[in-house]
Amino acid sequence: MTTSLILRDATEADLPAILAIYNHAVAETTAIWNEILVDLDNRKAWYDLRQARGFPILVAEVDGRIAGYASYGDWRPFDGFRQSVEHSVYVEKDHYGRGLGKALMSALIERARAGNIHVMVAAIEAGNTGSIALHKSLGFRLVGTHHEVGKKFGRWLDLTMMELKLD
């Protein structure tokens, strides 16, 4: 079976697939520290806000199906932080370990450089060694860990902070 990968900007038509990937991460993982599943209106509001702010949402399309997405947005909502962003990258569970996260992140980093972003921030659940390794492979450096700053599935979670200087 031939696998084709296309990285492109998301459209509103991609929102149901993005919703499914997001809700899986909420329900089954500690990648997102929310506990309540969201609906399509929630993802549409998120999409509209990203579009209004000029922030990219990229999707990975594999054999015509959305298999992952990545985006970035404001890191902190103050003028002095306008050239720093925090990103998110999520891959559909059936496509874990196939390089989609790295492909999406590489494209997102290039988009950030072109958009005059100075620093990209990653906030990763400390036990997610795969994501931490991915970020290290892309040049992110570890800047610290916040201990027990969140709770999900009945346990305290630590948050590893990483950053990539883009210029």
Protein backbone atom coordinates (compact mmCIF):
# COMPACT_ATOMS: atom_id res chain seq x y z
CA MET A 1 0.00 0.00 0.00
CA THR A 2 1.40 3.39 -1.00
CA THR A 3 1.27 6.12 1.61
CA SER A 4 1.17 9.73 0.51
CA LEU A 5 1.79 12.58 2.94
CA ILE A 6 0.61 16.11 2.26
CA LEU A 7 1.26 18.93 4.73
CA ARG A 8 -1.05 21.89 4.19
CA ASP A 9 -3.00 24.65 5.86
CA ALA A 10 -6.14 23.44 7.58
CA THR A 11 -9.56 24.43 6.31
CA GLU A 12 -12.91 24.42 8.07
CA ALA A 13 -13.62 21.09 6.35
CA ASP A 14 -10.79 19.57 8.42
CA LEU A 15 -12.36 20.50 11.75
CA PRO A 16 -14.25 17.20 12.32
CA ALA A 17 -10.97 15.27 11.97
CA ILE A 18 -9.13 17.78 14.17
CA LEU A 19 -11.94 17.44 16.73
CA ALA A 20 -11.59 13.64 16.78
CA ILE A 21 -7.81 13.83 17.29
CA TYR A 22 -8.19 16.47 20.00
CA ASN A 23 -10.91 14.59 21.87
CA HIS A 24 -8.89 11.37 21.78
CA ALA A 25 -5.99 13.22 23.39
CA VAL A 26 -8.35 14.61 26.05
CA ALA A 27 -9.96 11.25 26.83
CA GLU A 28 -6.94 8.95 26.62
CA THR A 29 -3.70 10.88 27.18
CA THR A 30 -2.00 13.48 29.35
CA ALA A 31 -1.00 15.52 26.29
CA ILE A 32 -3.96 17.84 26.93
CA TRP A 33 -4.79 18.60 30.55
CA ASN A 34 -8.48 19.11 29.93
CA GLU A 35 -10.95 16.47 31.06
CA ILE A 36 -14.07 17.47 29.14
CA LEU A 37 -14.57 16.54 25.51
CA VAL A 38 -15.35 19.47 23.23
CA ASP A 39 -17.75 19.85 20.34
CA LEU A 40 -17.38 21.13 16.81
CA ASP A 41 -18.41 24.65 17.84
CA ASN A 42 -15.45 24.72 20.23
CA ARG A 43 -12.98 23.73 17.50
CA LYS A 44 -14.58 26.25 15.11
CA ALA A 45 -14.08 29.02 17.68
CA TRP A 46 -10.45 27.89 18.14
CA TYR A 47 -9.96 27.84 14.35
CA ASP A 48 -11.53 31.29 13.91
CA LEU A 49 -9.34 32.78 16.64
CA ARG A 50 -6.18 31.34 15.09
CA GLN A 51 -7.23 32.66 11.68
CA ALA A 52 -8.03 36.12 13.06
CA ARG A 53 -4.61 36.32 14.75
CA GLY A 54 -2.78 35.09 11.64
CA PHE A 55 -1.54 31.92 13.36
CA PRO A 56 -1.12 28.79 11.22
CA ILE A 57 -2.95 25.52 11.62
CA LEU A 58 -1.25 22.80 9.61
CA VAL A 59 -2.62 19.35 8.90
CA ALA A 60 -0.91 16.15 7.83
CA GLU A 61 -3.02 14.35 5.26
CA VAL A 62 -2.14 10.70 4.70
CA ASP A 63 -3.83 8.93 1.81
CA GLY A 64 -6.57 11.56 1.80
CA ARG A 65 -7.27 11.41 5.55
CA ILE A 66 -6.24 13.89 8.28
CA ALA A 67 -3.69 12.11 10.47
CA GLY A 68 -2.40 15.00 12.57
CA TYR A 69 -2.29 18.72 13.07
CA ALA A 70 -0.10 21.43 14.54
CA SER A 71 -0.55 25.07 15.39
CA TYR A 72 0.81 27.85 17.51
CA GLY A 73 -0.67 30.80 19.31
CA ASP A 74 0.12 33.42 21.89
CA TRP A 75 2.39 32.19 24.66
CA ARG A 76 1.31 34.99 26.98
CA PRO A 77 -1.30 37.64 26.16
CA PHE A 78 0.89 40.70 26.74
CA ASP A 79 2.52 42.94 24.12
CA GLY A 80 6.05 42.17 25.26
CA PHE A 81 5.56 38.49 24.39
CA ARG A 82 4.24 39.09 20.86
CA GLN A 83 7.24 37.37 19.22
CA SER A 84 7.01 34.24 21.38
CA VAL A 85 4.50 31.50 20.74
CA GLU A 86 3.45 28.21 22.30
CA HIS A 87 2.70 25.38 19.92
CA SER A 88 0.69 22.18 19.87
CA VAL A 89 1.14 19.09 17.75
CA TYR A 90 -1.14 16.04 17.80
CA VAL A 91 -1.12 12.87 15.72
CA GLU A 92 -4.05 10.50 15.23
CA LYS A 93 -3.50 7.34 17.30
CA ASP A 94 -3.24 5.00 14.30
CA HIS A 95 -0.35 7.10 12.96
CA TYR A 96 1.87 7.31 16.05
CA GLY A 97 5.56 6.68 15.43
CA ARG A 98 5.51 7.32 11.68
CA GLY A 99 7.26 10.68 11.63
CA LEU A 100 4.16 12.83 11.23
CA GLY A 101 4.85 14.81 14.40
CA LYS A 102 8.33 15.67 13.19
CA ALA A 103 7.09 16.60 9.72
CA LEU A 104 4.37 18.83 11.17
CA MET A 105 6.75 20.45 13.66
CA SER A 106 9.40 21.09 10.99
CA ALA A 107 6.82 22.83 8.80
CA LEU A 108 5.46 24.79 11.78
CA ILE A 109 8.96 25.94 12.75
CA GLU A 110 9.55 27.20 9.20
CA ARG A 111 6.22 29.03 9.30
CA ALA A 112 7.21 30.63 12.62
CA ARG A 113 10.56 31.76 11.22
CA ALA A 114 8.82 33.29 8.22
CA GLY A 115 6.38 35.00 10.60
CA ASN A 116 9.15 36.77 12.54
CA ILE A 117 8.67 34.65 15.66
CA HIS A 118 11.68 34.77 17.99
CA VAL A 119 10.98 31.89 20.40
CA MET A 120 8.73 28.85 20.23
CA VAL A 121 7.78 27.40 23.63
CA ALA A 122 6.86 23.78 24.30
CA ALA A 123 5.01 22.72 27.46
CA ILE A 124 5.08 18.92 27.62
CA GLU A 125 3.84 16.49 30.27
CA ALA A 126 7.10 15.31 31.82
CA GLY A 127 6.33 11.63 31.29
CA ASN A 128 5.90 12.09 27.54
CA THR A 129 9.44 11.03 26.68
CA GLY A 130 8.60 10.61 22.99
CA SER A 131 7.52 14.23 22.64
CA ILE A 132 10.51 15.46 24.63
CA ALA A 133 12.86 13.46 22.37
CA LEU A 134 11.10 14.80 19.26
CA HIS A 135 11.55 18.37 20.46
CA LYS A 136 15.23 17.78 21.30
CA SER A 137 15.76 16.38 17.79
CA LEU A 138 14.38 19.63 16.38
CA GLY A 139 16.74 21.80 18.43
CA PHE A 140 14.54 22.63 21.42
CA ARG A 141 16.40 22.91 24.70
CA LEU A 142 15.14 21.96 28.13
CA VAL A 143 14.59 25.02 30.33
CA GLY A 144 13.04 23.38 33.37
CA THR A 145 10.25 21.38 34.93
CA HIS A 146 7.29 22.62 36.94
CA HIS A 147 6.37 19.93 39.46
CA GLU A 148 2.78 18.87 40.19
CA VAL A 149 1.24 21.88 38.45
CA GLY A 150 -1.63 19.90 36.93
CA LYS A 151 -3.81 16.93 37.68
CA LYS A 152 -5.46 14.41 35.39
CA PHE A 153 -6.62 10.81 35.75
CA GLY A 154 -6.35 11.25 39.53
CA ARG A 155 -2.63 11.99 39.61
CA TRP A 156 -0.42 15.04 39.76
CA LEU A 157 1.49 15.88 36.58
CA ASP A 158 4.79 17.63 36.01
CA LEU A 159 5.28 20.02 33.09
CA THR A 160 8.55 20.06 31.16
CA MET A 161 9.30 23.38 29.50
CA MET A 162 11.38 23.58 26.33
CA GLU A 163 12.20 26.41 23.94
CA LEU A 164 13.57 26.95 20.48
CA LYS A 165 15.14 30.25 19.45
CA LEU A 166 14.32 30.79 15.82
CA ASP A 167 16.60 33.65 14.81
